[in-house]
Amino acid sequence: MIKTSSLQAILAVFIGGGLGSIIRYLFGVFLNRTNPHIFPIHTLSANVVGCFVIGLVFAFFASRADLSSNLKLFLTVGFCGGFTTFSTFSYETINLLQTQSYQLAGLYVFLSGVLCFGAVILGISAGGTIGRNL
């Protein structure tokens, strides 16, 4: 049985993620009208904006302990996570650096880049293989 507080947290993430995803889509549509696929400006812009927003949210919550943890989840994991997961990656890297876990931060950045890039290549390869066999 899920506790009421857990259910509220799940709903906060769900609603925030949906809103973040919708806004990300609309953001991309708008930017693609001004710069149609020459450079992935929509993704870069979404990542930069998402990182800025998650930084604002974490700074705001650091100074306001009285605010709801569900609101924090709504804005960070939900909204920013739906808008871009790069914001979470960037914030987690900053947390590692702030705790002077420099080697872990470097490893996290390196592995995220290499493994995620590699996973995309593997996914494209597997998808092409599967698609040809259907």
N, C-alpha and C. Protein backbone atom coordinates (compact mmCIF):
# COMPACT_ATOMS: atom_id res chain seq x y z
N MET A 1 0.84 -1.18 0.00
CA MET A 1 0.00 0.00 0.00
C MET A 1 0.88 1.25 0.00
N ILE A 2 0.61 2.18 -0.88
CA ILE A 2 1.37 3.42 -0.97
C ILE A 2 0.82 4.40 0.07
N LYS A 3 1.72 5.00 0.83
CA LYS A 3 1.32 6.00 1.82
C LYS A 3 0.78 7.24 1.11
N THR A 4 -0.09 7.98 1.78
CA THR A 4 -0.67 9.19 1.21
C THR A 4 0.42 10.18 0.81
N SER A 5 1.45 10.32 1.67
CA SER A 5 2.53 11.26 1.34
C SER A 5 3.28 10.80 0.10
N SER A 6 3.46 9.49 -0.06
CA SER A 6 4.12 8.96 -1.24
C SER A 6 3.26 9.17 -2.48
N LEU A 7 1.96 8.98 -2.33
CA LEU A 7 1.05 9.19 -3.44
C LEU A 7 1.05 10.66 -3.86
N GLN A 8 1.08 11.57 -2.90
CA GLN A 8 1.15 12.99 -3.22
C GLN A 8 2.45 13.33 -3.94
N ALA A 9 3.54 12.73 -3.51
CA ALA A 9 4.83 12.96 -4.17
C ALA A 9 4.80 12.45 -5.60
N ILE A 10 4.23 11.26 -5.79
CA ILE A 10 4.13 10.68 -7.13
C ILE A 10 3.27 11.57 -8.03
N LEU A 11 2.16 12.06 -7.51
CA LEU A 11 1.30 12.95 -8.28
C LEU A 11 2.00 14.27 -8.61
N ALA A 12 2.78 14.79 -7.67
CA ALA A 12 3.51 16.03 -7.92
C ALA A 12 4.51 15.85 -9.06
N VAL A 13 5.23 14.74 -9.05
CA VAL A 13 6.20 14.45 -10.11
C VAL A 13 5.48 14.22 -11.44
N PHE A 14 4.39 13.49 -11.39
CA PHE A 14 3.61 13.18 -12.60
C PHE A 14 3.07 14.44 -13.27
N ILE A 15 2.45 15.30 -12.49
CA ILE A 15 1.87 16.53 -13.05
C ILE A 15 2.97 17.48 -13.52
N GLY A 16 4.00 17.64 -12.70
CA GLY A 16 5.12 18.50 -13.09
C GLY A 16 5.82 18.00 -14.34
N GLY A 17 6.00 16.69 -14.43
CA GLY A 17 6.65 16.11 -15.61
C GLY A 17 5.83 16.31 -16.87
N GLY A 18 4.52 16.15 -16.74
CA GLY A 18 3.65 16.37 -17.90
C GLY A 18 3.71 17.81 -18.37
N LEU A 19 3.64 18.75 -17.42
CA LEU A 19 3.72 20.17 -17.78
C LEU A 19 5.08 20.51 -18.38
N GLY A 20 6.14 20.00 -17.80
CA GLY A 20 7.48 20.25 -18.32
C GLY A 20 7.65 19.72 -19.73
N SER A 21 7.11 18.54 -19.98
CA SER A 21 7.20 17.93 -21.31
C SER A 21 6.41 18.72 -22.35
N ILE A 22 5.23 19.18 -21.97
CA ILE A 22 4.41 19.98 -22.90
C ILE A 22 5.11 21.30 -23.22
N ILE A 23 5.64 21.94 -22.19
CA ILE A 23 6.32 23.22 -22.42
C ILE A 23 7.59 23.00 -23.25
N ARG A 24 8.28 21.91 -23.01
CA ARG A 24 9.47 21.58 -23.83
C ARG A 24 9.08 21.42 -25.29
N TYR A 25 7.98 20.73 -25.55
CA TYR A 25 7.50 20.55 -26.92
C TYR A 25 7.18 21.90 -27.57
N LEU A 26 6.41 22.72 -26.87
CA LEU A 26 6.03 24.03 -27.41
C LEU A 26 7.25 24.93 -27.60
N PHE A 27 8.19 24.85 -26.68
CA PHE A 27 9.44 25.59 -26.77
C PHE A 27 10.18 25.20 -28.05
N GLY A 28 10.26 23.89 -28.30
CA GLY A 28 10.92 23.38 -29.51
C GLY A 28 10.21 23.81 -30.78
N VAL A 29 8.88 23.76 -30.78
CA VAL A 29 8.11 24.20 -31.95
C VAL A 29 8.41 25.66 -32.25
N PHE A 30 8.39 26.49 -31.22
CA PHE A 30 8.66 27.92 -31.39
C PHE A 30 10.06 28.15 -31.94
N LEU A 31 11.06 27.52 -31.34
CA LEU A 31 12.44 27.74 -31.77
C LEU A 31 12.71 27.16 -33.15
N ASN A 32 12.06 26.06 -33.50
CA ASN A 32 12.27 25.48 -34.82
C ASN A 32 11.70 26.35 -35.94
N ARG A 33 10.74 27.19 -35.62
CA ARG A 33 10.22 28.13 -36.61
C ARG A 33 11.26 29.19 -36.95
N THR A 34 12.06 29.56 -35.97
CA THR A 34 13.06 30.60 -36.20
C THR A 34 14.39 30.03 -36.67
N ASN A 35 14.64 28.75 -36.43
CA ASN A 35 15.91 28.11 -36.80
C ASN A 35 15.64 26.66 -37.17
N PRO A 36 15.11 26.43 -38.35
CA PRO A 36 14.67 25.07 -38.71
C PRO A 36 15.80 24.07 -38.96
N HIS A 37 16.16 23.35 -37.92
CA HIS A 37 17.04 22.16 -37.99
C HIS A 37 18.44 22.40 -38.53
N ILE A 38 18.92 23.62 -38.54
CA ILE A 38 20.30 23.86 -38.94
C ILE A 38 21.22 23.42 -37.81
N PHE A 39 20.81 23.74 -36.61
CA PHE A 39 21.55 23.41 -35.39
C PHE A 39 20.51 23.09 -34.33
N PRO A 40 20.73 22.11 -33.48
CA PRO A 40 19.71 21.74 -32.49
C PRO A 40 19.56 22.79 -31.38
N ILE A 41 19.25 24.00 -31.78
CA ILE A 41 19.13 25.12 -30.84
C ILE A 41 18.01 24.87 -29.83
N HIS A 42 16.97 24.16 -30.24
CA HIS A 42 15.86 23.90 -29.32
C HIS A 42 16.29 23.03 -28.16
N THR A 43 17.10 22.02 -28.42
CA THR A 43 17.57 21.14 -27.35
C THR A 43 18.59 21.86 -26.47
N LEU A 44 19.53 22.54 -27.10
CA LEU A 44 20.52 23.29 -26.35
C LEU A 44 19.85 24.33 -25.47
N SER A 45 18.91 25.07 -26.04
CA SER A 45 18.20 26.11 -25.28
C SER A 45 17.40 25.51 -24.14
N ALA A 46 16.70 24.42 -24.39
CA ALA A 46 15.92 23.77 -23.33
C ALA A 46 16.84 23.30 -22.20
N ASN A 47 17.99 22.75 -22.54
CA ASN A 47 18.93 22.30 -21.51
C ASN A 47 19.46 23.47 -20.69
N VAL A 48 19.80 24.58 -21.36
CA VAL A 48 20.31 25.74 -20.64
C VAL A 48 19.22 26.35 -19.75
N VAL A 49 18.03 26.52 -20.30
CA VAL A 49 16.92 27.09 -19.52
C VAL A 49 16.58 26.16 -18.35
N GLY A 50 16.51 24.86 -18.61
CA GLY A 50 16.21 23.89 -17.55
C GLY A 50 17.25 23.93 -16.44
N CYS A 51 18.52 24.06 -16.81
CA CYS A 51 19.59 24.14 -15.80
C CYS A 51 19.46 25.41 -14.98
N PHE A 52 19.12 26.51 -15.64
CA PHE A 52 18.93 27.77 -14.91
C PHE A 52 17.75 27.65 -13.95
N VAL A 53 16.65 27.09 -14.40
CA VAL A 53 15.46 26.95 -13.56
C VAL A 53 15.73 26.04 -12.37
N ILE A 54 16.40 24.91 -12.60
CA ILE A 54 16.65 24.01 -11.48
C ILE A 54 17.60 24.65 -10.47
N GLY A 55 18.53 25.46 -10.96
CA GLY A 55 19.41 26.20 -10.06
C GLY A 55 18.64 27.19 -9.21
N LEU A 56 17.71 27.93 -9.84
CA LEU A 56 16.86 28.86 -9.11
C LEU A 56 16.03 28.14 -8.05
N VAL A 57 15.44 27.03 -8.44
CA VAL A 57 14.57 26.29 -7.52
C VAL A 57 15.36 25.77 -6.32
N PHE A 58 16.53 25.19 -6.57
CA PHE A 58 17.32 24.66 -5.45
C PHE A 58 17.81 25.78 -4.54
N ALA A 59 18.21 26.92 -5.11
CA ALA A 59 18.63 28.05 -4.28
C ALA A 59 17.46 28.57 -3.45
N PHE A 60 16.29 28.65 -4.07
CA PHE A 60 15.10 29.13 -3.38
C PHE A 60 14.74 28.20 -2.22
N PHE A 61 14.76 26.90 -2.47
CA PHE A 61 14.38 25.95 -1.44
C PHE A 61 15.44 25.85 -0.34
N ALA A 62 16.69 26.13 -0.68
CA ALA A 62 17.74 26.10 0.34
C ALA A 62 17.52 27.18 1.39
N SER A 63 16.90 28.27 0.97
CA SER A 63 16.65 29.37 1.91
C SER A 63 15.26 29.33 2.53
N ARG A 64 14.44 28.36 2.13
CA ARG A 64 13.05 28.29 2.61
C ARG A 64 12.71 26.85 2.99
N ALA A 65 13.14 26.42 4.15
CA ALA A 65 12.89 25.05 4.61
C ALA A 65 11.43 24.80 4.91
N ASP A 66 10.63 25.86 5.04
CA ASP A 66 9.22 25.71 5.39
C ASP A 66 8.34 25.32 4.20
N LEU A 67 8.90 25.30 3.00
CA LEU A 67 8.11 24.98 1.81
C LEU A 67 7.92 23.47 1.66
N SER A 68 6.87 23.10 0.99
CA SER A 68 6.49 21.70 0.81
C SER A 68 7.53 20.94 -0.01
N SER A 69 7.88 19.76 0.47
CA SER A 69 8.80 18.91 -0.30
C SER A 69 8.13 18.44 -1.60
N ASN A 70 6.80 18.35 -1.59
CA ASN A 70 6.09 17.98 -2.82
C ASN A 70 6.19 19.08 -3.88
N LEU A 71 6.22 20.33 -3.44
CA LEU A 71 6.40 21.44 -4.38
C LEU A 71 7.80 21.37 -5.00
N LYS A 72 8.78 21.04 -4.18
CA LYS A 72 10.15 20.88 -4.69
C LYS A 72 10.21 19.73 -5.70
N LEU A 73 9.57 18.63 -5.39
CA LEU A 73 9.52 17.50 -6.33
C LEU A 73 8.80 17.89 -7.62
N PHE A 74 7.70 18.61 -7.49
CA PHE A 74 6.95 19.08 -8.65
C PHE A 74 7.84 19.89 -9.58
N LEU A 75 8.61 20.82 -9.00
CA LEU A 75 9.42 21.72 -9.81
C LEU A 75 10.71 21.08 -10.33
N THR A 76 11.36 20.25 -9.51
CA THR A 76 12.66 19.71 -9.91
C THR A 76 12.54 18.40 -10.68
N VAL A 77 12.14 17.35 -10.00
CA VAL A 77 12.03 16.04 -10.64
C VAL A 77 10.95 16.07 -11.71
N GLY A 78 9.82 16.71 -11.39
CA GLY A 78 8.70 16.76 -12.32
C GLY A 78 8.94 17.72 -13.47
N PHE A 79 8.79 19.03 -13.20
CA PHE A 79 8.84 20.01 -14.28
C PHE A 79 10.20 20.02 -14.99
N CYS A 80 11.27 20.22 -14.22
CA CYS A 80 12.59 20.27 -14.87
C CYS A 80 12.97 18.93 -15.48
N GLY A 81 12.57 17.85 -14.84
CA GLY A 81 12.83 16.52 -15.40
C GLY A 81 12.08 16.29 -16.69
N GLY A 82 10.85 16.79 -16.78
CA GLY A 82 10.08 16.68 -18.02
C GLY A 82 10.60 17.63 -19.08
N PHE A 83 11.09 18.78 -18.66
CA PHE A 83 11.60 19.77 -19.59
C PHE A 83 12.97 19.34 -20.11
N THR A 84 13.82 18.83 -19.21
CA THR A 84 15.15 18.34 -19.59
C THR A 84 15.75 17.56 -18.44
N THR A 85 16.33 16.42 -18.73
CA THR A 85 17.04 15.69 -17.68
C THR A 85 18.46 16.21 -17.53
N PHE A 86 18.92 17.00 -18.47
CA PHE A 86 20.26 17.56 -18.38
C PHE A 86 20.39 18.47 -17.16
N SER A 87 19.30 19.10 -16.78
CA SER A 87 19.33 19.97 -15.61
C SER A 87 19.65 19.17 -14.35
N THR A 88 19.05 18.01 -14.21
CA THR A 88 19.31 17.16 -13.05
C THR A 88 20.75 16.67 -13.07
N PHE A 89 21.22 16.24 -14.21
CA PHE A 89 22.61 15.80 -14.36
C PHE A 89 23.57 16.91 -13.93
N SER A 90 23.31 18.12 -14.39
CA SER A 90 24.18 19.25 -14.07
C SER A 90 24.16 19.55 -12.57
N TYR A 91 22.98 19.54 -11.98
CA TYR A 91 22.87 19.82 -10.55
C TYR A 91 23.57 18.74 -9.72
N GLU A 92 23.40 17.49 -10.11
CA GLU A 92 24.04 16.40 -9.37
C GLU A 92 25.57 16.51 -9.47
N THR A 93 26.06 16.95 -10.61
CA THR A 93 27.50 17.15 -10.77
C THR A 93 27.98 18.27 -9.85
N ILE A 94 27.21 19.36 -9.78
CA ILE A 94 27.55 20.46 -8.88
C ILE A 94 27.55 19.98 -7.42
N ASN A 95 26.58 19.15 -7.04
CA ASN A 95 26.54 18.60 -5.68
C ASN A 95 27.80 17.81 -5.38
N LEU A 96 28.23 17.00 -6.33
CA LEU A 96 29.47 16.23 -6.12
C LEU A 96 30.67 17.16 -5.96
N LEU A 97 30.72 18.22 -6.76
CA LEU A 97 31.82 19.17 -6.64
C LEU A 97 31.78 19.92 -5.31
N GLN A 98 30.59 20.27 -4.86
CA GLN A 98 30.45 20.98 -3.58
C GLN A 98 30.88 20.14 -2.39
N THR A 99 30.72 18.82 -2.52
CA THR A 99 31.16 17.94 -1.43
C THR A 99 32.60 17.48 -1.65
N GLN A 100 33.27 18.15 -2.57
CA GLN A 100 34.67 17.89 -2.91
C GLN A 100 34.91 16.46 -3.39
N SER A 101 33.90 15.88 -4.01
CA SER A 101 34.02 14.55 -4.61
C SER A 101 34.42 14.73 -6.08
N TYR A 102 35.59 15.31 -6.28
CA TYR A 102 36.03 15.68 -7.62
C TYR A 102 36.19 14.49 -8.56
N GLN A 103 36.73 13.41 -8.04
CA GLN A 103 36.90 12.22 -8.88
C GLN A 103 35.54 11.64 -9.27
N LEU A 104 34.62 11.59 -8.33
CA LEU A 104 33.28 11.09 -8.65
C LEU A 104 32.58 12.01 -9.66
N ALA A 105 32.74 13.32 -9.50
CA ALA A 105 32.14 14.27 -10.44
C ALA A 105 32.71 14.05 -11.84
N GLY A 106 34.01 13.93 -11.93
CA GLY A 106 34.64 13.69 -13.22
C GLY A 106 34.19 12.37 -13.82
N LEU A 107 34.13 11.35 -13.00
CA LEU A 107 33.68 10.04 -13.46
C LEU A 107 32.24 10.10 -13.94
N TYR A 108 31.40 10.81 -13.19
CA TYR A 108 29.98 10.95 -13.56
C TYR A 108 29.83 11.65 -14.90
N VAL A 109 30.55 12.75 -15.09
CA VAL A 109 30.49 13.49 -16.35
C VAL A 109 31.00 12.61 -17.49
N PHE A 110 32.14 11.97 -17.28
CA PHE A 110 32.73 11.12 -18.32
C PHE A 110 31.80 9.95 -18.68
N LEU A 111 31.35 9.22 -17.66
CA LEU A 111 30.49 8.06 -17.93
C LEU A 111 29.15 8.47 -18.55
N SER A 112 28.60 9.59 -18.09
CA SER A 112 27.33 10.05 -18.66
C SER A 112 27.50 10.34 -20.14
N GLY A 113 28.56 11.03 -20.50
CA GLY A 113 28.79 11.34 -21.91
C GLY A 113 29.05 10.10 -22.74
N VAL A 114 29.99 9.29 -22.31
CA VAL A 114 30.38 8.11 -23.08
C VAL A 114 29.27 7.06 -23.13
N LEU A 115 28.71 6.72 -21.97
CA LEU A 115 27.69 5.67 -21.93
C LEU A 115 26.40 6.09 -22.62
N CYS A 116 25.99 7.33 -22.42
CA CYS A 116 24.74 7.78 -23.05
C CYS A 116 24.91 7.91 -24.56
N PHE A 117 26.03 8.44 -24.99
CA PHE A 117 26.30 8.53 -26.43
C PHE A 117 26.36 7.12 -27.03
N GLY A 118 27.07 6.23 -26.33
CA GLY A 118 27.15 4.84 -26.78
C GLY A 118 25.80 4.15 -26.80
N ALA A 119 24.96 4.44 -25.81
CA ALA A 119 23.63 3.83 -25.76
C ALA A 119 22.77 4.29 -26.93
N VAL A 120 22.92 5.56 -27.31
CA VAL A 120 22.17 6.04 -28.48
C VAL A 120 22.63 5.29 -29.73
N ILE A 121 23.92 5.13 -29.89
CA ILE A 121 24.45 4.40 -31.05
C ILE A 121 23.95 2.96 -31.04
N LEU A 122 23.99 2.30 -29.88
CA LEU A 122 23.48 0.92 -29.78
C LEU A 122 21.99 0.86 -30.06
N GLY A 123 21.24 1.83 -29.53
CA GLY A 123 19.80 1.86 -29.77
C GLY A 123 19.47 2.03 -31.24
N ILE A 124 20.21 2.91 -31.92
CA ILE A 124 20.01 3.11 -33.35
C ILE A 124 20.32 1.83 -34.10
N SER A 125 21.41 1.20 -33.72
CA SER A 125 21.81 -0.05 -34.38
C SER A 125 20.78 -1.15 -34.14
N ALA A 126 20.38 -1.33 -32.88
CA ALA A 126 19.38 -2.36 -32.55
C ALA A 126 18.05 -2.05 -33.22
N GLY A 127 17.65 -0.79 -33.20
CA GLY A 127 16.39 -0.41 -33.83
C GLY A 127 16.40 -0.67 -35.32
N GLY A 128 17.52 -0.40 -35.97
CA GLY A 128 17.62 -0.67 -37.40
C GLY A 128 17.57 -2.15 -37.69
N THR A 129 18.23 -2.95 -36.85
CA THR A 129 18.22 -4.40 -37.01
C THR A 129 16.82 -4.96 -36.80
N ILE A 130 16.16 -4.51 -35.75
CA ILE A 130 14.81 -4.97 -35.44
C ILE A 130 13.85 -4.55 -36.55
N GLY A 131 13.99 -3.28 -36.99
CA GLY A 131 13.12 -2.77 -38.04
C GLY A 131 13.24 -3.56 -39.35
N ARG A 132 14.45 -3.97 -39.67
CA ARG A 132 14.65 -4.73 -40.91
C ARG A 132 14.10 -6.15 -40.80
N ASN A 133 14.04 -6.66 -39.56
CA ASN A 133 13.59 -8.04 -39.36
C ASN A 133 12.09 -8.16 -39.17
N LEU A 134 11.38 -7.05 -39.10
CA LEU A 134 9.92 -7.13 -38.91
C LEU A 134 9.20 -7.32 -40.21
